[in-house]
Amino acid sequence: MAHILQVDSSPRGERSISRALTKQFVQAWQHTYPEGHITYRDVGRHPVPPIDEAWIAAAFTPPAGMTPALESALAISNELIDEVLAADFLVFGVPMYNYSVPANFKAYLDQIVRVRRTFVVSSDGYEGLVKGKKVAVITTRGGSYAGGSLDFQEPYLRAVFELIGITEVAFIHAENLAMGAEKRQLAIATAQKSIHQLITSWQPSMQHS
């Protein structure tokens, strides 16, 4: 049975376009694959804490040296990582803030990018441990940035996902949302079309999950 993890990161409510698009993604997916399982995480309205000194100490302590206090410092991280590892597909709604990602989504990524859980370091370098996943990132942007010098969002996310072993990442950019009603409507319609195309392209993998 296919399993999707949906993560929203916008702090906005019903006005959030990224939330609306991830919701449409999941609804379309459920219609096509009603047997699938979905896990939902909202780090926009319910932010995860940023990593702190206790987290760092725990993350880099060998298993034999772990104490109850150190284990407690990683409890949220373990929960978030377990959600990622359990899913076959991951869908992220990420608005662009200041050419990159919102702080609450950065905090989420910091919690799931963890040595010995999602990547390891050896003499050969870094190796990601999160294998066999497909990711869809739905971004919302006020202007047109895709492929430009000010788009620090997509390159950053690709690099982070690659670090933990995820290389199959599709981006759906809803751009020019602040450039008038006509461009806004076109951007949303284009993103919706891309969502359905992506779900169709995922079909063979989903049938064997």
N, C-alpha and C. Protein backbone atom coordinates (compact mmCIF):
# COMPACT_ATOMS: atom_id res chain seq x y z
N MET A 1 0.84 -1.20 0.00
CA MET A 1 0.00 0.00 0.00
C MET A 1 0.88 1.25 0.00
N ALA A 2 0.62 2.15 -0.93
CA ALA A 2 1.40 3.38 -1.02
C ALA A 2 1.13 4.27 0.19
N HIS A 3 2.16 4.96 0.64
CA HIS A 3 2.08 5.80 1.84
C HIS A 3 2.71 7.16 1.52
N ILE A 4 1.94 8.22 1.72
CA ILE A 4 2.42 9.58 1.46
C ILE A 4 2.49 10.36 2.76
N LEU A 5 3.57 11.11 2.92
CA LEU A 5 3.70 12.08 4.01
C LEU A 5 3.48 13.47 3.42
N GLN A 6 2.49 14.17 3.93
CA GLN A 6 2.19 15.54 3.49
C GLN A 6 2.62 16.51 4.58
N VAL A 7 3.43 17.49 4.21
CA VAL A 7 3.91 18.48 5.17
C VAL A 7 3.60 19.88 4.64
N ASP A 8 2.85 20.65 5.41
CA ASP A 8 2.59 22.05 5.10
C ASP A 8 3.45 22.93 5.98
N SER A 9 3.99 24.01 5.39
CA SER A 9 4.87 24.88 6.18
C SER A 9 4.42 26.33 6.23
N SER A 10 3.35 26.67 5.54
CA SER A 10 2.88 28.05 5.58
C SER A 10 2.21 28.34 6.92
N PRO A 11 2.51 29.48 7.55
CA PRO A 11 1.83 29.85 8.79
C PRO A 11 0.43 30.40 8.54
N ARG A 12 0.09 30.63 7.29
CA ARG A 12 -1.22 31.16 6.97
C ARG A 12 -2.26 30.04 6.99
N GLY A 13 -3.51 30.43 7.12
CA GLY A 13 -4.60 29.47 7.17
C GLY A 13 -5.25 29.28 5.82
N GLU A 14 -6.53 29.63 5.73
CA GLU A 14 -7.29 29.41 4.51
C GLU A 14 -6.79 30.27 3.35
N ARG A 15 -6.05 31.32 3.62
CA ARG A 15 -5.52 32.17 2.56
C ARG A 15 -4.27 31.60 1.91
N SER A 16 -3.74 30.54 2.46
CA SER A 16 -2.49 29.97 1.96
C SER A 16 -2.70 29.22 0.66
N ILE A 17 -2.00 29.63 -0.37
CA ILE A 17 -2.09 28.94 -1.66
C ILE A 17 -1.31 27.64 -1.63
N SER A 18 -0.18 27.61 -0.94
CA SER A 18 0.58 26.36 -0.87
C SER A 18 -0.23 25.27 -0.17
N ARG A 19 -0.95 25.66 0.88
CA ARG A 19 -1.82 24.68 1.56
C ARG A 19 -2.92 24.18 0.63
N ALA A 20 -3.50 25.10 -0.12
CA ALA A 20 -4.58 24.72 -1.04
C ALA A 20 -4.06 23.74 -2.09
N LEU A 21 -2.84 23.97 -2.57
CA LEU A 21 -2.29 23.11 -3.62
C LEU A 21 -1.89 21.74 -3.07
N THR A 22 -1.32 21.69 -1.87
CA THR A 22 -1.00 20.36 -1.31
C THR A 22 -2.28 19.59 -1.00
N LYS A 23 -3.31 20.31 -0.58
CA LYS A 23 -4.60 19.67 -0.32
C LYS A 23 -5.17 19.09 -1.61
N GLN A 24 -5.09 19.86 -2.69
CA GLN A 24 -5.58 19.37 -3.98
C GLN A 24 -4.76 18.18 -4.45
N PHE A 25 -3.46 18.23 -4.20
CA PHE A 25 -2.60 17.10 -4.56
C PHE A 25 -3.09 15.84 -3.86
N VAL A 26 -3.29 15.93 -2.57
CA VAL A 26 -3.69 14.75 -1.79
C VAL A 26 -5.08 14.27 -2.19
N GLN A 27 -6.00 15.20 -2.44
CA GLN A 27 -7.34 14.80 -2.86
C GLN A 27 -7.31 14.07 -4.20
N ALA A 28 -6.51 14.59 -5.13
CA ALA A 28 -6.40 13.94 -6.43
C ALA A 28 -5.76 12.57 -6.29
N TRP A 29 -4.74 12.49 -5.43
CA TRP A 29 -4.07 11.21 -5.21
C TRP A 29 -5.02 10.20 -4.57
N GLN A 30 -5.80 10.65 -3.58
CA GLN A 30 -6.74 9.75 -2.92
C GLN A 30 -7.81 9.26 -3.89
N HIS A 31 -8.22 10.13 -4.80
CA HIS A 31 -9.24 9.73 -5.78
C HIS A 31 -8.69 8.64 -6.69
N THR A 32 -7.41 8.76 -7.04
CA THR A 32 -6.79 7.78 -7.94
C THR A 32 -6.36 6.52 -7.21
N TYR A 33 -5.90 6.69 -5.97
CA TYR A 33 -5.37 5.58 -5.18
C TYR A 33 -6.06 5.55 -3.81
N PRO A 34 -7.33 5.17 -3.77
CA PRO A 34 -8.09 5.22 -2.52
C PRO A 34 -7.56 4.30 -1.43
N GLU A 35 -6.72 3.34 -1.80
CA GLU A 35 -6.19 2.41 -0.80
C GLU A 35 -4.95 2.97 -0.12
N GLY A 36 -4.46 4.10 -0.58
CA GLY A 36 -3.24 4.66 -0.04
C GLY A 36 -3.41 5.24 1.36
N HIS A 37 -2.28 5.35 2.06
CA HIS A 37 -2.27 5.89 3.43
C HIS A 37 -1.57 7.24 3.44
N ILE A 38 -2.11 8.20 4.19
CA ILE A 38 -1.54 9.54 4.24
C ILE A 38 -1.26 9.94 5.68
N THR A 39 -0.05 10.43 5.91
CA THR A 39 0.32 11.02 7.19
C THR A 39 0.46 12.52 6.99
N TYR A 40 -0.10 13.30 7.90
CA TYR A 40 -0.09 14.76 7.75
C TYR A 40 0.70 15.41 8.88
N ARG A 41 1.55 16.38 8.50
CA ARG A 41 2.33 17.15 9.47
C ARG A 41 2.24 18.62 9.10
N ASP A 42 1.86 19.45 10.06
CA ASP A 42 1.71 20.89 9.85
C ASP A 42 2.76 21.63 10.67
N VAL A 43 3.86 22.01 10.02
CA VAL A 43 4.91 22.73 10.73
C VAL A 43 4.76 24.24 10.58
N GLY A 44 3.72 24.66 9.87
CA GLY A 44 3.42 26.08 9.76
C GLY A 44 2.64 26.58 10.96
N ARG A 45 1.58 25.89 11.28
CA ARG A 45 0.76 26.25 12.45
C ARG A 45 1.30 25.65 13.74
N HIS A 46 2.01 24.54 13.60
CA HIS A 46 2.56 23.87 14.78
C HIS A 46 4.06 23.63 14.55
N PRO A 47 4.86 24.68 14.67
CA PRO A 47 6.30 24.57 14.37
C PRO A 47 7.01 23.58 15.28
N VAL A 48 8.00 22.93 14.70
CA VAL A 48 8.87 22.08 15.52
C VAL A 48 9.98 22.97 16.07
N PRO A 49 10.54 22.62 17.22
CA PRO A 49 11.57 23.48 17.81
C PRO A 49 12.86 23.43 17.02
N PRO A 50 13.61 24.53 17.01
CA PRO A 50 14.93 24.50 16.38
C PRO A 50 15.86 23.63 17.21
N ILE A 51 16.91 23.13 16.58
CA ILE A 51 17.85 22.32 17.34
C ILE A 51 18.61 23.20 18.33
N ASP A 52 18.97 22.62 19.46
CA ASP A 52 19.67 23.37 20.52
C ASP A 52 20.89 22.57 20.98
N GLU A 53 21.52 23.04 22.03
CA GLU A 53 22.75 22.39 22.50
C GLU A 53 22.50 20.95 22.93
N ALA A 54 21.37 20.71 23.60
CA ALA A 54 21.07 19.35 24.05
C ALA A 54 20.87 18.43 22.85
N TRP A 55 20.21 18.93 21.81
CA TRP A 55 19.98 18.14 20.60
C TRP A 55 21.31 17.77 19.96
N ILE A 56 22.19 18.75 19.83
CA ILE A 56 23.48 18.51 19.19
C ILE A 56 24.29 17.49 19.98
N ALA A 57 24.30 17.64 21.31
CA ALA A 57 25.04 16.70 22.15
C ALA A 57 24.50 15.29 21.98
N ALA A 58 23.18 15.15 21.95
CA ALA A 58 22.56 13.83 21.81
C ALA A 58 22.81 13.23 20.43
N ALA A 59 22.70 14.06 19.39
CA ALA A 59 22.85 13.55 18.03
C ALA A 59 24.24 13.00 17.76
N PHE A 60 25.25 13.57 18.43
CA PHE A 60 26.62 13.14 18.18
C PHE A 60 27.18 12.23 19.27
N THR A 61 26.31 11.78 20.19
CA THR A 61 26.73 10.83 21.21
C THR A 61 26.59 9.41 20.69
N PRO A 62 27.60 8.58 20.78
CA PRO A 62 27.48 7.19 20.34
C PRO A 62 26.35 6.49 21.08
N PRO A 63 25.70 5.53 20.44
CA PRO A 63 24.57 4.83 21.08
C PRO A 63 24.87 4.31 22.48
N ALA A 64 26.08 3.83 22.70
CA ALA A 64 26.42 3.27 24.02
C ALA A 64 26.44 4.33 25.11
N GLY A 65 26.58 5.59 24.72
CA GLY A 65 26.66 6.66 25.71
C GLY A 65 25.37 7.41 25.93
N MET A 66 24.30 6.98 25.29
CA MET A 66 23.02 7.69 25.42
C MET A 66 22.43 7.54 26.81
N THR A 67 21.92 8.62 27.34
CA THR A 67 21.23 8.64 28.62
C THR A 67 19.76 8.99 28.38
N PRO A 68 18.90 8.79 29.37
CA PRO A 68 17.50 9.19 29.20
C PRO A 68 17.34 10.66 28.81
N ALA A 69 18.17 11.52 29.37
CA ALA A 69 18.07 12.95 29.05
C ALA A 69 18.44 13.21 27.59
N LEU A 70 19.48 12.54 27.13
CA LEU A 70 19.89 12.71 25.73
C LEU A 70 18.84 12.13 24.79
N GLU A 71 18.28 11.00 25.14
CA GLU A 71 17.23 10.40 24.32
C GLU A 71 16.01 11.32 24.24
N SER A 72 15.69 11.98 25.35
CA SER A 72 14.56 12.90 25.37
C SER A 72 14.79 14.08 24.44
N ALA A 73 16.04 14.53 24.34
CA ALA A 73 16.36 15.67 23.48
C ALA A 73 16.12 15.37 22.00
N LEU A 74 16.11 14.08 21.65
CA LEU A 74 15.92 13.67 20.26
C LEU A 74 14.54 13.11 19.99
N ALA A 75 13.64 13.21 20.95
CA ALA A 75 12.32 12.58 20.80
C ALA A 75 11.55 13.11 19.60
N ILE A 76 11.51 14.43 19.45
CA ILE A 76 10.79 15.02 18.33
C ILE A 76 11.47 14.66 17.01
N SER A 77 12.79 14.75 16.99
CA SER A 77 13.54 14.39 15.80
C SER A 77 13.24 12.95 15.38
N ASN A 78 13.23 12.04 16.34
CA ASN A 78 12.94 10.64 16.03
C ASN A 78 11.54 10.47 15.45
N GLU A 79 10.59 11.19 16.01
CA GLU A 79 9.21 11.11 15.51
C GLU A 79 9.12 11.59 14.06
N LEU A 80 9.77 12.71 13.77
CA LEU A 80 9.72 13.27 12.42
C LEU A 80 10.46 12.37 11.43
N ILE A 81 11.60 11.84 11.84
CA ILE A 81 12.36 10.96 10.95
C ILE A 81 11.60 9.67 10.69
N ASP A 82 10.96 9.13 11.70
CA ASP A 82 10.17 7.91 11.52
C ASP A 82 9.06 8.12 10.50
N GLU A 83 8.45 9.31 10.50
CA GLU A 83 7.41 9.62 9.52
C GLU A 83 7.98 9.61 8.11
N VAL A 84 9.16 10.19 7.95
CA VAL A 84 9.80 10.23 6.63
C VAL A 84 10.15 8.83 6.17
N LEU A 85 10.73 8.03 7.05
CA LEU A 85 11.17 6.69 6.67
C LEU A 85 10.00 5.76 6.36
N ALA A 86 8.85 6.01 6.98
CA ALA A 86 7.68 5.15 6.77
C ALA A 86 6.99 5.43 5.44
N ALA A 87 7.22 6.60 4.87
CA ALA A 87 6.51 7.01 3.66
C ALA A 87 7.25 6.57 2.40
N ASP A 88 6.47 6.32 1.34
CA ASP A 88 7.04 6.06 0.02
C ASP A 88 7.20 7.37 -0.76
N PHE A 89 6.26 8.28 -0.51
CA PHE A 89 6.22 9.55 -1.22
C PHE A 89 6.07 10.68 -0.22
N LEU A 90 6.69 11.82 -0.51
CA LEU A 90 6.63 12.96 0.39
C LEU A 90 6.20 14.19 -0.41
N VAL A 91 5.24 14.92 0.13
CA VAL A 91 4.70 16.10 -0.53
C VAL A 91 4.86 17.28 0.42
N PHE A 92 5.62 18.28 -0.01
CA PHE A 92 5.89 19.44 0.83
C PHE A 92 5.29 20.70 0.21
N GLY A 93 4.58 21.47 1.01
CA GLY A 93 4.10 22.78 0.60
C GLY A 93 5.00 23.84 1.21
N VAL A 94 5.74 24.59 0.36
CA VAL A 94 6.77 25.49 0.86
C VAL A 94 6.68 26.86 0.18
N PRO A 95 6.13 27.86 0.84
CA PRO A 95 6.17 29.20 0.26
C PRO A 95 7.59 29.75 0.23
N MET A 96 7.87 30.62 -0.71
CA MET A 96 9.18 31.25 -0.75
C MET A 96 9.19 32.46 0.17
N TYR A 97 10.12 32.48 1.11
CA TYR A 97 10.32 33.62 1.99
C TYR A 97 11.73 34.14 1.77
N ASN A 98 11.84 35.39 1.33
CA ASN A 98 13.15 36.01 1.16
C ASN A 98 14.08 35.14 0.32
N TYR A 99 13.54 34.65 -0.79
CA TYR A 99 14.26 33.86 -1.78
C TYR A 99 14.58 32.44 -1.34
N SER A 100 14.13 32.02 -0.17
CA SER A 100 14.44 30.68 0.31
C SER A 100 13.21 30.08 1.00
N VAL A 101 13.41 29.32 2.07
CA VAL A 101 12.31 28.63 2.73
C VAL A 101 11.95 29.33 4.04
N PRO A 102 10.73 29.16 4.54
CA PRO A 102 10.37 29.73 5.84
C PRO A 102 11.22 29.14 6.96
N ALA A 103 11.41 29.91 8.01
CA ALA A 103 12.23 29.46 9.14
C ALA A 103 11.68 28.19 9.76
N ASN A 104 10.36 28.06 9.81
CA ASN A 104 9.79 26.86 10.43
C ASN A 104 10.07 25.60 9.59
N PHE A 105 10.17 25.77 8.27
CA PHE A 105 10.51 24.60 7.45
C PHE A 105 11.99 24.27 7.58
N LYS A 106 12.82 25.30 7.70
CA LYS A 106 14.26 25.06 7.95
C LYS A 106 14.44 24.30 9.26
N ALA A 107 13.66 24.67 10.30
CA ALA A 107 13.75 23.95 11.57
C ALA A 107 13.34 22.49 11.41
N TYR A 108 12.34 22.26 10.59
CA TYR A 108 11.90 20.88 10.32
C TYR A 108 13.02 20.09 9.65
N LEU A 109 13.64 20.68 8.63
CA LEU A 109 14.73 20.00 7.94
C LEU A 109 15.89 19.71 8.88
N ASP A 110 16.21 20.68 9.75
CA ASP A 110 17.30 20.47 10.71
C ASP A 110 17.01 19.29 11.63
N GLN A 111 15.74 19.06 11.92
CA GLN A 111 15.37 17.94 12.79
C GLN A 111 15.49 16.59 12.08
N ILE A 112 15.28 16.56 10.77
CA ILE A 112 15.30 15.26 10.08
C ILE A 112 16.63 14.95 9.42
N VAL A 113 17.50 15.95 9.28
CA VAL A 113 18.83 15.68 8.73
C VAL A 113 19.76 15.40 9.91
N ARG A 114 19.98 14.11 10.18
CA ARG A 114 20.68 13.73 11.40
C ARG A 114 21.63 12.56 11.15
N VAL A 115 22.84 12.73 11.60
CA VAL A 115 23.85 11.70 11.41
C VAL A 115 23.41 10.40 12.08
N ARG A 116 23.67 9.31 11.41
CA ARG A 116 23.33 7.94 11.81
C ARG A 116 21.85 7.61 11.66
N ARG A 117 21.00 8.59 11.44
CA ARG A 117 19.58 8.30 11.20
C ARG A 117 19.22 8.50 9.73
N THR A 118 19.61 9.63 9.15
CA THR A 118 19.27 9.86 7.75
C THR A 118 20.50 10.01 6.85
N PHE A 119 21.67 10.08 7.44
CA PHE A 119 22.91 10.04 6.66
C PHE A 119 24.05 9.58 7.55
N VAL A 120 25.10 9.10 6.92
CA VAL A 120 26.32 8.70 7.63
C VAL A 120 27.51 9.35 6.95
N VAL A 121 28.60 9.45 7.71
CA VAL A 121 29.83 10.01 7.18
C VAL A 121 30.92 8.95 7.30
N SER A 122 31.62 8.71 6.19
CA SER A 122 32.73 7.75 6.19
C SER A 122 33.92 8.37 5.46
N SER A 123 34.94 7.58 5.27
CA SER A 123 36.12 8.07 4.55
C SER A 123 35.79 8.41 3.10
N ASP A 124 34.67 7.88 2.62
CA ASP A 124 34.25 8.16 1.25
C ASP A 124 33.35 9.40 1.16
N GLY A 125 33.03 9.98 2.31
CA GLY A 125 32.18 11.16 2.31
C GLY A 125 30.82 10.88 2.93
N TYR A 126 29.82 11.61 2.47
CA TYR A 126 28.47 11.49 3.01
C TYR A 126 27.67 10.46 2.22
N GLU A 127 26.86 9.70 2.94
CA GLU A 127 25.95 8.75 2.30
C GLU A 127 24.57 8.89 2.91
N GLY A 128 23.57 9.15 2.06
CA GLY A 128 22.19 9.26 2.53
C GLY A 128 21.61 7.90 2.84
N LEU A 129 20.79 7.84 3.88
CA LEU A 129 20.17 6.59 4.30
C LEU A 129 18.69 6.51 3.94
N VAL A 130 18.14 7.58 3.41
CA VAL A 130 16.71 7.61 3.07
C VAL A 130 16.59 7.25 1.59
N LYS A 131 16.45 5.98 1.34
CA LYS A 131 16.47 5.48 -0.03
C LYS A 131 15.06 5.20 -0.56
N GLY A 132 14.95 5.25 -1.87
CA GLY A 132 13.72 4.81 -2.53
C GLY A 132 12.51 5.69 -2.34
N LYS A 133 12.70 6.95 -2.04
CA LYS A 133 11.58 7.88 -1.84
C LYS A 133 11.43 8.78 -3.07
N LYS A 134 10.21 9.24 -3.31
CA LYS A 134 9.94 10.27 -4.29
C LYS A 134 9.37 11.48 -3.57
N VAL A 135 9.81 12.66 -3.98
CA VAL A 135 9.41 13.89 -3.31
C VAL A 135 8.77 14.86 -4.31
N ALA A 136 7.69 15.48 -3.90
CA ALA A 136 7.09 16.59 -4.63
C ALA A 136 7.15 17.82 -3.74
N VAL A 137 7.74 18.88 -4.24
CA VAL A 137 7.80 20.14 -3.51
C VAL A 137 6.95 21.16 -4.26
N ILE A 138 5.90 21.63 -3.61
CA ILE A 138 5.03 22.64 -4.20
C ILE A 138 5.38 23.98 -3.58
N THR A 139 5.91 24.90 -4.38
CA THR A 139 6.30 26.20 -3.86
C THR A 139 5.35 27.28 -4.36
N THR A 140 5.22 28.34 -3.58
CA THR A 140 4.42 29.49 -3.97
C THR A 140 5.31 30.73 -3.88
N ARG A 141 5.26 31.57 -4.92
CA ARG A 141 6.18 32.69 -5.03
C ARG A 141 5.47 33.92 -5.57
N GLY A 142 5.82 35.07 -5.03
CA GLY A 142 5.18 36.31 -5.47
C GLY A 142 5.59 36.73 -6.86
N GLY A 143 6.85 36.43 -7.23
CA GLY A 143 7.36 36.80 -8.54
C GLY A 143 7.83 35.61 -9.32
N SER A 144 8.68 35.85 -10.32
CA SER A 144 9.20 34.79 -11.18
C SER A 144 10.67 34.56 -10.83
N TYR A 145 10.98 33.40 -10.26
CA TYR A 145 12.33 33.13 -9.77
C TYR A 145 12.92 31.83 -10.27
N ALA A 146 12.12 30.92 -10.80
CA ALA A 146 12.60 29.59 -11.17
C ALA A 146 13.79 29.67 -12.12
N GLY A 147 14.90 29.05 -11.71
CA GLY A 147 16.08 29.03 -12.55
C GLY A 147 16.91 30.29 -12.52
N GLY A 148 16.47 31.29 -11.75
CA GLY A 148 17.17 32.56 -11.70
C GLY A 148 18.19 32.63 -10.57
N SER A 149 18.94 33.72 -10.55
CA SER A 149 20.02 33.86 -9.56
C SER A 149 19.50 34.07 -8.15
N LEU A 150 18.23 34.47 -8.00
CA LEU A 150 17.68 34.72 -6.68
C LEU A 150 16.88 33.53 -6.13
N ASP A 151 16.85 32.45 -6.88
CA ASP A 151 16.15 31.26 -6.40
C ASP A 151 17.11 30.42 -5.58
N PHE A 152 17.13 30.68 -4.28
CA PHE A 152 17.95 29.88 -3.37
C PHE A 152 17.13 28.74 -2.77
N GLN A 153 15.85 28.70 -3.10
CA GLN A 153 14.95 27.72 -2.52
C GLN A 153 15.13 26.33 -3.14
N GLU A 154 14.95 26.22 -4.44
CA GLU A 154 15.05 24.90 -5.09
C GLU A 154 16.45 24.30 -4.97
N PRO A 155 17.53 25.04 -5.27
CA PRO A 155 18.86 24.44 -5.13
C PRO A 155 19.15 23.97 -3.72
N TYR A 156 18.72 24.76 -2.73
CA TYR A 156 18.95 24.37 -1.33
C TYR A 156 18.21 23.07 -1.00
N LEU A 157 16.94 23.00 -1.38
CA LEU A 157 16.16 21.81 -1.05
C LEU A 157 16.68 20.58 -1.78
N ARG A 158 17.07 20.74 -3.02
CA ARG A 158 17.65 19.60 -3.75
C ARG A 158 18.90 19.08 -3.03
N ALA A 159 19.74 20.01 -2.58
CA ALA A 159 20.98 19.62 -1.91
C ALA A 159 20.70 18.91 -0.59
N VAL A 160 19.75 19.41 0.18
CA VAL A 160 19.41 18.79 1.46
C VAL A 160 18.83 17.40 1.26
N PHE A 161 17.90 17.27 0.31
CA PHE A 161 17.31 15.95 0.06
C PHE A 161 18.35 14.97 -0.46
N GLU A 162 19.26 15.44 -1.30
CA GLU A 162 20.31 14.56 -1.80
C GLU A 162 21.23 14.11 -0.68
N LEU A 163 21.49 14.99 0.28
CA LEU A 163 22.34 14.63 1.42
C LEU A 163 21.79 13.42 2.16
N ILE A 164 20.47 13.35 2.31
CA ILE A 164 19.88 12.24 3.05
C ILE A 164 19.48 11.07 2.14
N GLY A 165 19.81 11.17 0.85
CA GLY A 165 19.61 10.03 -0.03
C GLY A 165 18.44 10.11 -0.99
N ILE A 166 17.72 11.24 -1.01
CA ILE A 166 16.56 11.39 -1.89
C ILE A 166 16.98 12.18 -3.13
N THR A 167 16.93 11.53 -4.27
CA THR A 167 17.34 12.18 -5.52
C THR A 167 16.18 12.38 -6.49
N GLU A 168 15.06 11.71 -6.27
CA GLU A 168 13.90 11.87 -7.14
C GLU A 168 13.00 12.95 -6.56
N VAL A 169 13.26 14.20 -6.94
CA VAL A 169 12.55 15.34 -6.39
C VAL A 169 11.95 16.14 -7.54
N ALA A 170 10.63 16.34 -7.49
CA ALA A 170 9.93 17.14 -8.50
C ALA A 170 9.46 18.45 -7.86
N PHE A 171 9.70 19.55 -8.55
CA PHE A 171 9.26 20.86 -8.07
C PHE A 171 8.11 21.37 -8.91
N ILE A 172 7.09 21.86 -8.23
CA ILE A 172 5.97 22.53 -8.89
C ILE A 172 5.94 23.95 -8.34
N HIS A 173 6.30 24.91 -9.17
CA HIS A 173 6.38 26.30 -8.74
C HIS A 173 5.14 27.08 -9.18
N ALA A 174 4.41 27.61 -8.23
CA ALA A 174 3.32 28.54 -8.53
C ALA A 174 3.89 29.94 -8.36
N GLU A 175 4.25 30.58 -9.49
CA GLU A 175 4.95 31.85 -9.45
C GLU A 175 4.05 33.02 -9.88
N ASN A 176 4.57 34.22 -9.66
CA ASN A 176 3.89 35.47 -10.05
C ASN A 176 2.55 35.66 -9.34
N LEU A 177 2.45 35.16 -8.13
CA LEU A 177 1.19 35.24 -7.40
C LEU A 177 0.87 36.66 -6.93
N ALA A 178 1.87 37.53 -6.92
CA ALA A 178 1.66 38.92 -6.51
C ALA A 178 1.63 39.87 -7.70
N MET A 179 1.51 39.32 -8.90
CA MET A 179 1.60 40.12 -10.11
C MET A 179 0.26 40.35 -10.80
N GLY A 180 -0.78 40.45 -10.01
CA GLY A 180 -2.10 40.71 -10.57
C GLY A 180 -2.95 39.47 -10.66
N ALA A 181 -4.26 39.68 -10.74
CA ALA A 181 -5.22 38.57 -10.69
C ALA A 181 -5.05 37.60 -11.85
N GLU A 182 -4.79 38.11 -13.05
CA GLU A 182 -4.68 37.23 -14.21
C GLU A 182 -3.49 36.28 -14.09
N LYS A 183 -2.33 36.83 -13.72
CA LYS A 183 -1.14 35.99 -13.58
C LYS A 183 -1.29 35.03 -12.39
N ARG A 184 -1.97 35.50 -11.38
CA ARG A 184 -2.20 34.65 -10.19
C ARG A 184 -3.04 33.44 -10.57
N GLN A 185 -4.13 33.68 -11.28
CA GLN A 185 -5.01 32.59 -11.69
C GLN A 185 -4.30 31.62 -12.63
N LEU A 186 -3.49 32.17 -13.54
CA LEU A 186 -2.75 31.32 -14.47
C LEU A 186 -1.75 30.45 -13.72
N ALA A 187 -1.07 31.04 -12.73
CA ALA A 187 -0.08 30.29 -11.96
C ALA A 187 -0.72 29.14 -11.21
N ILE A 188 -1.86 29.39 -10.60
CA ILE A 188 -2.55 28.34 -9.85
C ILE A 188 -3.03 27.24 -10.79
N ALA A 189 -3.60 27.63 -11.93
CA ALA A 189 -4.10 26.64 -12.89
C ALA A 189 -2.95 25.79 -13.44
N THR A 190 -1.82 26.43 -13.70
CA THR A 190 -0.65 25.70 -14.21
C THR A 190 -0.13 24.72 -13.17
N ALA A 191 -0.10 25.15 -11.91
CA ALA A 191 0.34 24.26 -10.83
C ALA A 191 -0.60 23.08 -10.67
N GLN A 192 -1.89 23.33 -10.78
CA GLN A 192 -2.87 22.25 -10.66
C GLN A 192 -2.69 21.22 -11.77
N LYS A 193 -2.42 21.70 -12.97
CA LYS A 193 -2.17 20.79 -14.09
C LYS A 193 -0.92 19.96 -13.84
N SER A 194 0.13 20.61 -13.33
CA SER A 194 1.37 19.91 -13.05
C SER A 194 1.19 18.86 -11.96
N ILE A 195 0.32 19.14 -10.99
CA ILE A 195 0.03 18.18 -9.93
C ILE A 195 -0.53 16.89 -10.51
N HIS A 196 -1.50 17.02 -11.38
CA HIS A 196 -2.11 15.83 -11.97
C HIS A 196 -1.12 15.08 -12.86
N GLN A 197 -0.28 15.81 -13.57
CA GLN A 197 0.73 15.16 -14.40
C GLN A 197 1.72 14.38 -13.55
N LEU A 198 2.08 14.96 -12.41
CA LEU A 198 3.04 14.28 -11.53
C LEU A 198 2.44 13.02 -10.93
N ILE A 199 1.20 13.11 -10.50
CA ILE A 199 0.55 11.92 -9.95
C ILE A 199 0.50 10.80 -10.99
N THR A 200 0.21 11.16 -12.23
CA THR A 200 0.19 10.17 -13.31
C THR A 200 1.57 9.55 -13.51
N SER A 201 2.61 10.38 -13.44
CA SER A 201 3.97 9.86 -13.64
C SER A 201 4.41 8.95 -12.50
N TRP A 202 3.83 9.16 -11.31
CA TRP A 202 4.15 8.33 -10.16
C TRP A 202 3.42 6.99 -10.18
N GLN A 203 2.44 6.84 -11.05
CA GLN A 203 1.54 5.70 -11.02
C GLN A 203 2.24 4.36 -11.00
N PRO A 204 3.23 4.09 -11.86
CA PRO A 204 3.86 2.77 -11.81
C PRO A 204 4.48 2.44 -10.46
N SER A 205 5.11 3.45 -9.83
CA SER A 205 5.73 3.21 -8.52
C SER A 205 4.68 2.97 -7.47
N MET A 206 3.58 3.70 -7.53
CA MET A 206 2.54 3.56 -6.53
C MET A 206 1.88 2.18 -6.62
N GLN A 207 1.75 1.66 -7.81
CA GLN A 207 1.09 0.37 -7.97
C GLN A 207 1.90 -0.76 -7.34
N HIS A 208 3.21 -0.54 -7.16
CA HIS A 208 4.06 -1.59 -6.59
C HIS A 208 4.53 -1.25 -5.19
N SER A 209 3.94 -0.23 -4.56
CA SER A 209 4.39 0.16 -3.22
C SER A 209 3.75 -0.73 -2.16
